[in-house]
Amino acid sequence: MNVESISLTIDKMNLQDLSQVTEIEKQLFNPPWSYETFLSEVESESRCCLVVRCADGIIGYAICAILYDEAHILSIGVAKKYQKLSIATLLMVEIMDYAISNAVVKVILEVRVSNDKAKGLYEKFGFAPVGIRKKYYTQPSEDAIVYLLDSLHEAQYLIRLDKIRQSLESK
């Protein structure tokens, strides 16, 4: 299976999506966010909550908080069956576009030190490590690397984002 062989849409997450989103969350993260946590995020006006749909239903999601001129990527998940198809990259492009259109100046996120796949994704988008949060994650206990992107509106970054977008279109 490749990304060309499936028809994808990206939509705003709604209440009807939460059961599928929480199922993906349980596959991917320990401890997973609860249904109530996702409900709170969807109901918040300061959140950008997205889902990726295909014929099978929801296969990925992303949640980003925006406060003034700063965005914080809170969660990105792609169902295991659909990983390695650039779905997370597609979600990141959408989040970056949303951040740019909302005058965000910088974007931050945390990632487990052991999550090389996610670190590679974030670094592709120009995020750089700026700190460590000791024992940020539980089950198992692990430090988080704090990543920052503060060049959203610079010409070089917009070129980078366009190249990533073009690479998705060629897949």
C-alpha atoms as a PDB file:
ATOM      1  CA  MET A   1       0.000   0.000   0.000  1.00  0.00           C
ATOM      2  CA  ASN A   2       1.211   3.506  -0.777  1.00  0.00           C
ATOM      3  CA  VAL A   3      -0.272   6.933  -0.211  1.00  0.00           C
ATOM      4  CA  GLU A   4      -1.288   7.182  -3.901  1.00  0.00           C
ATOM      5  CA  SER A   5      -3.454   4.093  -3.610  1.00  0.00           C
ATOM      6  CA  ILE A   6      -5.738   5.537  -0.933  1.00  0.00           C
ATOM      7  CA  SER A   7      -7.983   8.573  -1.028  1.00  0.00           C
ATOM      8  CA  LEU A   8      -7.294  10.811   1.965  1.00  0.00           C
ATOM      9  CA  THR A   9      -9.081  13.826   3.407  1.00  0.00           C
ATOM     10  CA  ILE A  10      -8.083  16.027   6.313  1.00  0.00           C
ATOM     11  CA  ASP A  11     -10.910  17.408   8.421  1.00  0.00           C
ATOM     12  CA  LYS A  12     -11.439  19.203  11.670  1.00  0.00           C
ATOM     13  CA  MET A  13     -11.863  16.616  14.439  1.00  0.00           C
ATOM     14  CA  ASN A  14     -15.422  16.402  15.767  1.00  0.00           C
ATOM     15  CA  LEU A  15     -17.178  14.588  18.599  1.00  0.00           C
ATOM     16  CA  GLN A  16     -18.144  11.663  16.364  1.00  0.00           C
ATOM     17  CA  ASP A  17     -14.444  11.047  15.635  1.00  0.00           C
ATOM     18  CA  LEU A  18     -13.361  10.589  19.236  1.00  0.00           C
ATOM     19  CA  SER A  19     -13.967   6.848  19.572  1.00  0.00           C
ATOM     20  CA  GLN A  20     -11.778   6.100  16.519  1.00  0.00           C
ATOM     21  CA  VAL A  21      -9.132   8.608  17.627  1.00  0.00           C
ATOM     22  CA  THR A  22      -8.926   7.093  21.114  1.00  0.00           C
ATOM     23  CA  GLU A  23      -8.548   3.616  19.586  1.00  0.00           C
ATOM     24  CA  ILE A  24      -5.542   4.800  17.566  1.00  0.00           C
ATOM     25  CA  GLU A  25      -4.182   6.519  20.679  1.00  0.00           C
ATOM     26  CA  LYS A  26      -4.377   3.230  22.622  1.00  0.00           C
ATOM     27  CA  GLN A  27      -2.404   1.449  19.869  1.00  0.00           C
ATOM     28  CA  LEU A  28       0.375   3.998  19.981  1.00  0.00           C
ATOM     29  CA  PHE A  29       0.901   5.537  23.399  1.00  0.00           C
ATOM     30  CA  ASN A  30       1.312   4.392  26.967  1.00  0.00           C
ATOM     31  CA  PRO A  31      -0.384   5.823  28.878  1.00  0.00           C
ATOM     32  CA  PRO A  32      -2.898   6.903  26.227  1.00  0.00           C
ATOM     33  CA  TRP A  33      -4.933  10.082  26.458  1.00  0.00           C
ATOM     34  CA  SER A  34      -8.460   9.408  27.661  1.00  0.00           C
ATOM     35  CA  TYR A  35     -11.664  10.039  25.732  1.00  0.00           C
ATOM     36  CA  GLU A  36     -12.314  12.926  28.127  1.00  0.00           C
ATOM     37  CA  THR A  37      -8.939  14.499  27.331  1.00  0.00           C
ATOM     38  CA  PHE A  38      -9.663  14.388  23.601  1.00  0.00           C
ATOM     39  CA  LEU A  39     -13.150  15.755  24.243  1.00  0.00           C
ATOM     40  CA  SER A  40     -11.671  18.695  26.144  1.00  0.00           C
ATOM     41  CA  GLU A  41      -9.231  19.387  23.299  1.00  0.00           C
ATOM     42  CA  VAL A  42     -11.941  19.287  20.619  1.00  0.00           C
ATOM     43  CA  GLU A  43     -14.150  21.629  22.630  1.00  0.00           C
ATOM     44  CA  SER A  44     -11.366  24.162  23.236  1.00  0.00           C
ATOM     45  CA  GLU A  45     -11.342  27.198  20.967  1.00  0.00           C
ATOM     46  CA  SER A  46      -7.560  27.496  21.264  1.00  0.00           C
ATOM     47  CA  ARG A  47      -6.948  24.094  19.661  1.00  0.00           C
ATOM     48  CA  CYS A  48      -6.437  22.926  16.123  1.00  0.00           C
ATOM     49  CA  CYS A  49      -7.645  19.304  16.102  1.00  0.00           C
ATOM     50  CA  LEU A  50      -7.360  17.435  12.808  1.00  0.00           C
ATOM     51  CA  VAL A  51      -8.103  13.935  11.548  1.00  0.00           C
ATOM     52  CA  VAL A  52      -7.065  12.104   8.408  1.00  0.00           C
ATOM     53  CA  ARG A  53      -9.772   9.942   6.866  1.00  0.00           C
ATOM     54  CA  CYS A  54      -9.789   7.239   4.234  1.00  0.00           C
ATOM     55  CA  ALA A  55     -12.293   4.553   3.277  1.00  0.00           C
ATOM     56  CA  ASP A  56     -11.315   2.618   6.439  1.00  0.00           C
ATOM     57  CA  GLY A  57     -12.236   5.592   8.661  1.00  0.00           C
ATOM     58  CA  ILE A  58      -9.881   7.750  10.691  1.00  0.00           C
ATOM     59  CA  ILE A  59      -6.250   6.760  10.305  1.00  0.00           C
ATOM     60  CA  GLY A  60      -4.459   9.688  11.919  1.00  0.00           C
ATOM     61  CA  TYR A  61      -4.862  12.807  14.012  1.00  0.00           C
ATOM     62  CA  ALA A  62      -3.029  15.867  15.263  1.00  0.00           C
ATOM     63  CA  ILE A  63      -3.708  18.333  18.057  1.00  0.00           C
ATOM     64  CA  CYS A  64      -2.060  21.704  18.386  1.00  0.00           C
ATOM     65  CA  ALA A  65      -2.696  24.417  20.983  1.00  0.00           C
ATOM     66  CA  ILE A  66      -2.352  28.047  20.006  1.00  0.00           C
ATOM     67  CA  LEU A  67      -1.892  30.734  22.598  1.00  0.00           C
ATOM     68  CA  TYR A  68      -1.220  34.219  21.300  1.00  0.00           C
ATOM     69  CA  ASP A  69       1.741  33.910  18.928  1.00  0.00           C
ATOM     70  CA  GLU A  70       2.910  30.470  20.070  1.00  0.00           C
ATOM     71  CA  ALA A  71       1.778  26.994  19.028  1.00  0.00           C
ATOM     72  CA  HIS A  72       2.389  23.802  20.978  1.00  0.00           C
ATOM     73  CA  ILE A  73       2.011  20.517  19.121  1.00  0.00           C
ATOM     74  CA  LEU A  74       0.392  18.284  21.714  1.00  0.00           C
ATOM     75  CA  SER A  75      -0.111  15.014  19.867  1.00  0.00           C
ATOM     76  CA  ILE A  76       0.246  13.373  16.472  1.00  0.00           C
ATOM     77  CA  GLY A  77      -0.730   9.782  15.839  1.00  0.00           C
ATOM     78  CA  VAL A  78      -1.077   7.539  12.802  1.00  0.00           C
ATOM     79  CA  ALA A  79      -2.629   4.070  12.964  1.00  0.00           C
ATOM     80  CA  LYS A  80       0.094   1.423  12.731  1.00  0.00           C
ATOM     81  CA  LYS A  81      -1.292  -0.025   9.485  1.00  0.00           C
ATOM     82  CA  TYR A  82      -0.847   3.388   7.819  1.00  0.00           C
ATOM     83  CA  GLN A  83       2.558   4.370   9.153  1.00  0.00           C
ATOM     84  CA  LYS A  84       5.367   4.937   6.633  1.00  0.00           C
ATOM     85  CA  LEU A  85       2.888   6.468   4.155  1.00  0.00           C
ATOM     86  CA  SER A  86       3.743  10.112   4.994  1.00  0.00           C
ATOM     87  CA  ILE A  87       0.464  10.645   6.895  1.00  0.00           C
ATOM     88  CA  ALA A  88       2.320  12.318   9.793  1.00  0.00           C
ATOM     89  CA  THR A  89       4.107  14.574   7.300  1.00  0.00           C
ATOM     90  CA  LEU A  90       0.753  15.500   5.780  1.00  0.00           C
ATOM     91  CA  LEU A  91      -0.568  16.390   9.249  1.00  0.00           C
ATOM     92  CA  MET A  92       2.535  18.450  10.029  1.00  0.00           C
ATOM     93  CA  VAL A  93       2.103  20.445   6.807  1.00  0.00           C
ATOM     94  CA  GLU A  94      -1.482  21.203   7.812  1.00  0.00           C
ATOM     95  CA  ILE A  95      -0.416  22.273  11.302  1.00  0.00           C
ATOM     96  CA  MET A  96       2.356  24.507   9.954  1.00  0.00           C
ATOM     97  CA  ASP A  97      -0.058  26.102   7.464  1.00  0.00           C
ATOM     98  CA  TYR A  98      -2.557  26.676  10.260  1.00  0.00           C
ATOM     99  CA  ALA A  99       0.138  28.201  12.481  1.00  0.00           C
ATOM    100  CA  ILE A 100       1.345  30.516   9.725  1.00  0.00           C
ATOM    101  CA  SER A 101      -2.183  31.653   8.906  1.00  0.00           C
ATOM    102  CA  ASN A 102      -2.757  32.415  12.599  1.00  0.00           C
ATOM    103  CA  ALA A 103       0.355  34.617  12.958  1.00  0.00           C
ATOM    104  CA  VAL A 104       2.185  32.094  15.134  1.00  0.00           C
ATOM    105  CA  VAL A 105       5.812  33.095  15.680  1.00  0.00           C
ATOM    106  CA  LYS A 106       7.144  29.899  17.237  1.00  0.00           C
ATOM    107  CA  VAL A 107       6.105  26.271  17.586  1.00  0.00           C
ATOM    108  CA  ILE A 108       7.223  23.944  20.376  1.00  0.00           C
ATOM    109  CA  LEU A 109       6.736  20.273  21.145  1.00  0.00           C
ATOM    110  CA  GLU A 110       8.101  17.479  23.289  1.00  0.00           C
ATOM    111  CA  VAL A 111       9.162  14.038  22.129  1.00  0.00           C
ATOM    112  CA  ARG A 112      10.539  10.973  23.919  1.00  0.00           C
ATOM    113  CA  VAL A 113      14.326  10.818  23.665  1.00  0.00           C
ATOM    114  CA  SER A 114      13.980   7.292  22.245  1.00  0.00           C
ATOM    115  CA  ASN A 115      11.483   8.211  19.495  1.00  0.00           C
ATOM    116  CA  ASP A 116      13.875   8.518  16.569  1.00  0.00           C
ATOM    117  CA  LYS A 117      11.092   8.330  13.972  1.00  0.00           C
ATOM    118  CA  ALA A 118       9.294  11.367  15.430  1.00  0.00           C
ATOM    119  CA  LYS A 119      12.548  13.276  15.933  1.00  0.00           C
ATOM    120  CA  GLY A 120      13.352  12.739  12.248  1.00  0.00           C
ATOM    121  CA  LEU A 121       9.933  14.075  11.241  1.00  0.00           C
ATOM    122  CA  TYR A 122      10.291  17.196  13.364  1.00  0.00           C
ATOM    123  CA  GLU A 123      13.835  17.867  12.212  1.00  0.00           C
ATOM    124  CA  LYS A 124      12.685  17.565   8.581  1.00  0.00           C
ATOM    125  CA  PHE A 125      10.350  20.481   9.355  1.00  0.00           C
ATOM    126  CA  GLY A 126      13.176  22.549  10.821  1.00  0.00           C
ATOM    127  CA  PHE A 127      12.602  21.964  14.527  1.00  0.00           C
ATOM    128  CA  ALA A 128      15.731  22.040  16.664  1.00  0.00           C
ATOM    129  CA  PRO A 129      16.259  20.627  20.169  1.00  0.00           C
ATOM    130  CA  VAL A 130      16.419  23.351  22.820  1.00  0.00           C
ATOM    131  CA  GLY A 131      16.127  21.480  26.114  1.00  0.00           C
ATOM    132  CA  ILE A 132      15.270  18.381  28.106  1.00  0.00           C
ATOM    133  CA  ARG A 133      12.313  17.777  30.417  1.00  0.00           C
ATOM    134  CA  LYS A 134      13.490  15.178  32.932  1.00  0.00           C
ATOM    135  CA  LYS A 135      11.143  12.210  33.453  1.00  0.00           C
ATOM    136  CA  TYR A 136       8.436  13.955  31.405  1.00  0.00           C
ATOM    137  CA  TYR A 137       6.978  10.661  30.198  1.00  0.00           C
ATOM    138  CA  THR A 138       5.768   7.726  32.266  1.00  0.00           C
ATOM    139  CA  GLN A 139       5.289   4.030  31.534  1.00  0.00           C
ATOM    140  CA  PRO A 140       8.210   3.850  30.983  1.00  0.00           C
ATOM    141  CA  SER A 141       9.744   6.864  32.637  1.00  0.00           C
ATOM    142  CA  GLU A 142      11.716   8.807  30.071  1.00  0.00           C
ATOM    143  CA  ASP A 143      13.026  12.285  29.411  1.00  0.00           C
ATOM    144  CA  ALA A 144      11.532  14.478  26.685  1.00  0.00           C
ATOM    145  CA  ILE A 145      13.458  16.556  24.227  1.00  0.00           C
ATOM    146  CA  VAL A 146      11.915  19.996  23.762  1.00  0.00           C
ATOM    147  CA  TYR A 147      11.956  21.078  20.124  1.00  0.00           C
ATOM    148  CA  LEU A 148      11.485  24.629  18.874  1.00  0.00           C
ATOM    149  CA  LEU A 149      10.767  26.151  15.488  1.00  0.00           C
ATOM    150  CA  ASP A 150      10.955  29.933  15.453  1.00  0.00           C
ATOM    151  CA  SER A 151      11.481  30.694  11.762  1.00  0.00           C
ATOM    152  CA  LEU A 152       7.918  30.152  10.505  1.00  0.00           C
ATOM    153  CA  HIS A 153       7.653  33.399   8.572  1.00  0.00           C
ATOM    154  CA  GLU A 154      11.163  33.506   7.128  1.00  0.00           C
ATOM    155  CA  ALA A 155      11.513  32.994   3.383  1.00  0.00           C
ATOM    156  CA  GLN A 156      13.852  30.012   3.881  1.00  0.00           C
ATOM    157  CA  TYR A 157      11.279  28.248   6.017  1.00  0.00           C
ATOM    158  CA  LEU A 158       8.445  28.856   3.571  1.00  0.00           C
ATOM    159  CA  ILE A 159      10.625  27.358   0.819  1.00  0.00           C
ATOM    160  CA  ARG A 160      11.325  24.325   3.038  1.00  0.00           C
ATOM    161  CA  LEU A 161       7.608  23.871   3.714  1.00  0.00           C
ATOM    162  CA  ASP A 162       6.800  24.125  -0.001  1.00  0.00           C
ATOM    163  CA  LYS A 163       9.423  21.462  -0.792  1.00  0.00           C
ATOM    164  CA  ILE A 164       7.889  19.135   1.804  1.00  0.00           C
ATOM    165  CA  ARG A 165       4.428  19.792   0.360  1.00  0.00           C
ATOM    166  CA  GLN A 166       5.704  19.069  -3.170  1.00  0.00           C
ATOM    167  CA  SER A 167       7.314  15.825  -2.005  1.00  0.00           C
ATOM    168  CA  LEU A 168       3.906  14.703  -0.724  1.00  0.00           C
ATOM    169  CA  GLU A 169       2.259  15.517  -4.032  1.00  0.00           C
ATOM    170  CA  SER A 170       4.808  13.424  -5.926  1.00  0.00           C
ATOM    171  CA  LYS A 171       4.156  10.328  -3.787  1.00  0.00           C
END
